[in-house]
Protein backbone atom coordinates (compact mmCIF):
# COMPACT_ATOMS: atom_id res chain seq x y z
CA UNK A 1 65.25 -58.70 53.88
CA UNK A 2 65.60 -59.42 50.16
CA UNK A 3 67.55 -62.70 50.00
CA UNK A 4 67.99 -62.46 46.23
CA UNK A 5 69.72 -59.11 46.70
CA UNK A 6 71.88 -60.50 49.50
CA UNK A 7 73.01 -63.38 47.27
CA UNK A 8 73.78 -61.01 44.39
CA UNK A 9 75.94 -58.93 46.70
CA UNK A 10 77.67 -61.94 48.21
CA UNK A 11 78.63 -63.25 44.77
CA UNK A 12 79.64 -59.95 43.18
CA UNK A 13 83.21 -59.12 44.06
CA UNK A 14 86.27 -57.23 42.86
CA UNK A 15 86.67 -59.58 39.91
CA UNK A 16 83.33 -58.40 38.52
CA UNK A 17 84.51 -54.80 38.68
CA UNK A 18 87.78 -55.66 36.91
CA UNK A 19 85.85 -57.54 34.23
CA UNK A 20 83.42 -54.65 33.65
CA UNK A 21 86.11 -51.97 33.98
CA UNK A 22 89.54 -53.17 32.89
CA UNK A 23 92.44 -50.70 33.12
CA UNK A 24 91.81 -49.45 29.57
CA UNK A 25 88.19 -48.61 30.42
CA UNK A 26 89.21 -46.76 33.59
CA UNK A 27 91.72 -44.73 31.58
CA UNK A 28 89.08 -43.93 28.93
CA UNK A 29 86.65 -42.82 31.66
CA UNK A 30 89.32 -40.62 33.26
CA UNK A 31 90.01 -39.00 29.87
CA UNK A 32 86.27 -38.50 29.25
CA UNK A 33 85.95 -36.66 32.56
CA UNK A 34 88.98 -34.49 31.80
CA UNK A 35 87.68 -33.71 28.31
CA UNK A 36 84.25 -32.82 29.66
CA UNK A 37 85.71 -30.54 32.32
CA UNK A 38 87.53 -28.49 29.64
CA UNK A 39 84.13 -27.08 28.68
CA UNK A 40 82.73 -26.07 32.07
CA UNK A 41 83.59 -25.20 35.67
CA UNK A 42 81.91 -28.31 37.14
CA UNK A 43 83.61 -31.31 38.71
CA UNK A 44 82.65 -34.89 37.85
CA UNK A 45 83.63 -38.00 39.80
CA UNK A 46 82.85 -41.61 38.92
CA UNK A 47 82.85 -44.36 41.53
CA UNK A 48 82.00 -48.04 41.16
CA UNK A 49 81.39 -50.47 44.00
CA UNK A 50 81.06 -54.20 43.47
CA UNK A 51 78.67 -54.86 46.34
CA UNK A 52 77.60 -53.69 49.75
CA UNK A 53 78.93 -55.23 52.93
CA UNK A 54 76.60 -57.41 54.99
CA UNK A 55 75.55 -54.77 57.56
CA UNK A 56 74.28 -52.27 54.95
CA UNK A 57 72.51 -55.16 53.19
CA UNK A 58 70.76 -56.23 56.38
CA UNK A 59 69.77 -52.62 56.94
CA UNK A 60 68.42 -52.50 53.36
CA UNK A 61 70.69 -49.61 52.40
CA UNK A 62 69.71 -48.39 48.96
CA UNK A 63 72.13 -47.51 46.19
CA UNK A 64 70.97 -43.91 46.57
CA UNK A 65 71.80 -43.84 50.28
CA UNK A 66 75.21 -45.38 49.60
CA UNK A 67 75.85 -42.87 46.81
CA UNK A 68 75.24 -40.02 49.25
CA UNK A 69 77.77 -41.57 51.65
CA UNK A 70 80.34 -41.88 48.85
CA UNK A 71 79.62 -38.30 47.73
CA UNK A 72 80.62 -37.18 51.21
CA UNK A 73 83.60 -39.54 51.54
CA UNK A 74 85.07 -38.35 48.24
CA UNK A 75 84.37 -34.73 49.20
CA UNK A 76 82.56 -34.06 45.94
CA UNK A 77 80.67 -31.33 47.79
CA UNK A 78 83.93 -29.48 48.41
CA UNK A 79 84.01 -27.32 45.27
CA UNK A 80 84.12 -23.56 45.06
CA UNK A 81 80.85 -23.22 43.12
CA UNK A 82 78.98 -26.17 44.69
CA UNK A 83 78.90 -27.86 41.29
CA UNK A 84 80.38 -31.28 41.97
CA UNK A 85 78.65 -34.37 40.63
CA UNK A 86 79.14 -38.01 41.57
CA UNK A 87 78.14 -40.78 39.18
CA UNK A 88 77.93 -43.89 41.38
CA UNK A 89 77.47 -47.46 40.16
CA UNK A 90 76.54 -50.28 42.53
CA UNK A 91 77.48 -53.19 40.29
CA UNK A 92 75.64 -55.96 42.17
CA UNK A 93 72.36 -54.10 41.68
CA UNK A 94 73.26 -52.64 38.25
CA UNK A 95 72.01 -49.40 39.76
CA UNK A 96 73.37 -45.96 38.84
CA UNK A 97 72.86 -42.93 41.03
CA UNK A 98 73.84 -39.34 40.34
CA UNK A 99 74.36 -37.13 43.36
CA UNK A 100 74.78 -33.46 42.52
CA UNK A 101 75.87 -30.66 44.80
CA UNK A 102 73.32 -27.97 45.55
CA UNK A 103 74.70 -25.44 43.05
CA UNK A 104 73.99 -27.61 40.02
CA UNK A 105 71.15 -29.73 41.42
CA UNK A 106 68.97 -26.65 41.93
CA UNK A 107 69.36 -25.81 38.24
CA UNK A 108 68.94 -29.26 36.70
CA UNK A 109 66.66 -31.25 38.96
CA UNK A 110 66.08 -34.87 39.85
CA UNK A 111 64.19 -35.96 36.72
CA UNK A 112 67.03 -35.09 34.35
CA UNK A 113 69.56 -36.93 36.53
CA UNK A 114 67.25 -39.96 36.59
CA UNK A 115 67.00 -39.93 32.80
CA UNK A 116 70.79 -40.05 32.52
CA UNK A 117 70.94 -42.90 35.06
CA UNK A 118 68.36 -44.99 33.19
CA UNK A 119 70.19 -44.47 29.89
CA UNK A 120 73.43 -45.64 31.51
CA UNK A 121 71.68 -48.69 32.95
CA UNK A 122 70.46 -49.57 29.46
CA UNK A 123 74.09 -49.69 28.28
CA UNK A 124 75.04 -51.78 31.31
CA UNK A 125 72.26 -54.30 30.67
CA UNK A 126 73.90 -54.87 27.27
CA UNK A 127 77.32 -55.34 28.88
CA UNK A 128 78.56 -51.94 27.59
CA UNK A 129 79.98 -50.57 30.82
CA UNK A 130 82.64 -48.26 29.41
CA UNK A 131 80.38 -46.66 26.81
CA UNK A 132 77.57 -46.36 29.37
CA UNK A 133 79.73 -44.41 31.78
CA UNK A 134 81.19 -42.22 29.05
CA UNK A 135 77.73 -41.38 27.69
CA UNK A 136 76.65 -40.49 31.23
CA UNK A 137 79.68 -38.24 31.66
CA UNK A 138 78.88 -36.50 28.38
CA UNK A 139 75.24 -35.98 29.37
CA UNK A 140 76.21 -34.61 32.80
CA UNK A 141 78.81 -32.41 31.09
CA UNK A 142 76.13 -30.87 28.86
CA UNK A 143 74.20 -29.70 31.93
CA UNK A 144 77.37 -28.38 33.56
CA UNK A 145 78.33 -26.55 30.36
CA UNK A 146 74.89 -24.94 30.24
CA UNK A 147 74.85 -23.79 33.87
CA UNK A 148 78.58 -23.44 34.66
CA UNK A 149 80.33 -22.50 31.41
CA UNK A 150 83.94 -21.48 31.46
CA UNK A 151 84.18 -17.79 32.11
CA UNK A 152 86.96 -15.64 33.37
CA UNK A 153 87.71 -18.24 36.03
CA UNK A 154 90.64 -20.53 35.30
CA UNK A 155 88.59 -23.71 35.32
CA UNK A 156 91.05 -25.25 37.75
CA UNK A 157 90.55 -28.96 38.36
CA UNK A 158 89.43 -29.19 42.00
CA UNK A 159 88.82 -32.95 42.16
CA UNK A 160 90.65 -35.92 40.70
CA UNK A 161 89.33 -37.26 37.40
CA UNK A 162 90.50 -40.79 38.20
CA UNK A 163 87.61 -43.27 38.64
CA UNK A 164 87.30 -44.69 42.14
CA UNK A 165 86.84 -48.40 42.78
CA UNK A 166 85.39 -48.91 46.26
């Protein structure tokens, strides 16, 4: 067990999320998602979690594993074209994970998602949480626009654009 990680998680709480993402930042992120989705048929969700509970920490649950759980809980997979994407931030670890549904993941691939995650983490290391998330949304949106452009379909919003604080 990584005691440094446990301590980070024990001392990172809801206040850290509110500091990194005040109401104005959450609204800006919601608008960035909505704006991005005007250009493609994909669905983007953003979720931030301050820290893991003790049991997942003891089990050494990774941010990736937790992101997959959140992807399922938020039903990001439940889109008509299998093109939902979750951008997940585990604040205590400053770790970003992108989980993409099979329709878009097969076309983009893991390496490109990882590049977006690392770029977002660079912003976060500088304390630029809002701009980091928005740049990630824009980068994800570019891939969605390329592979799922608006066509004759209405582009109906299938998932909420509101950021989720877990």
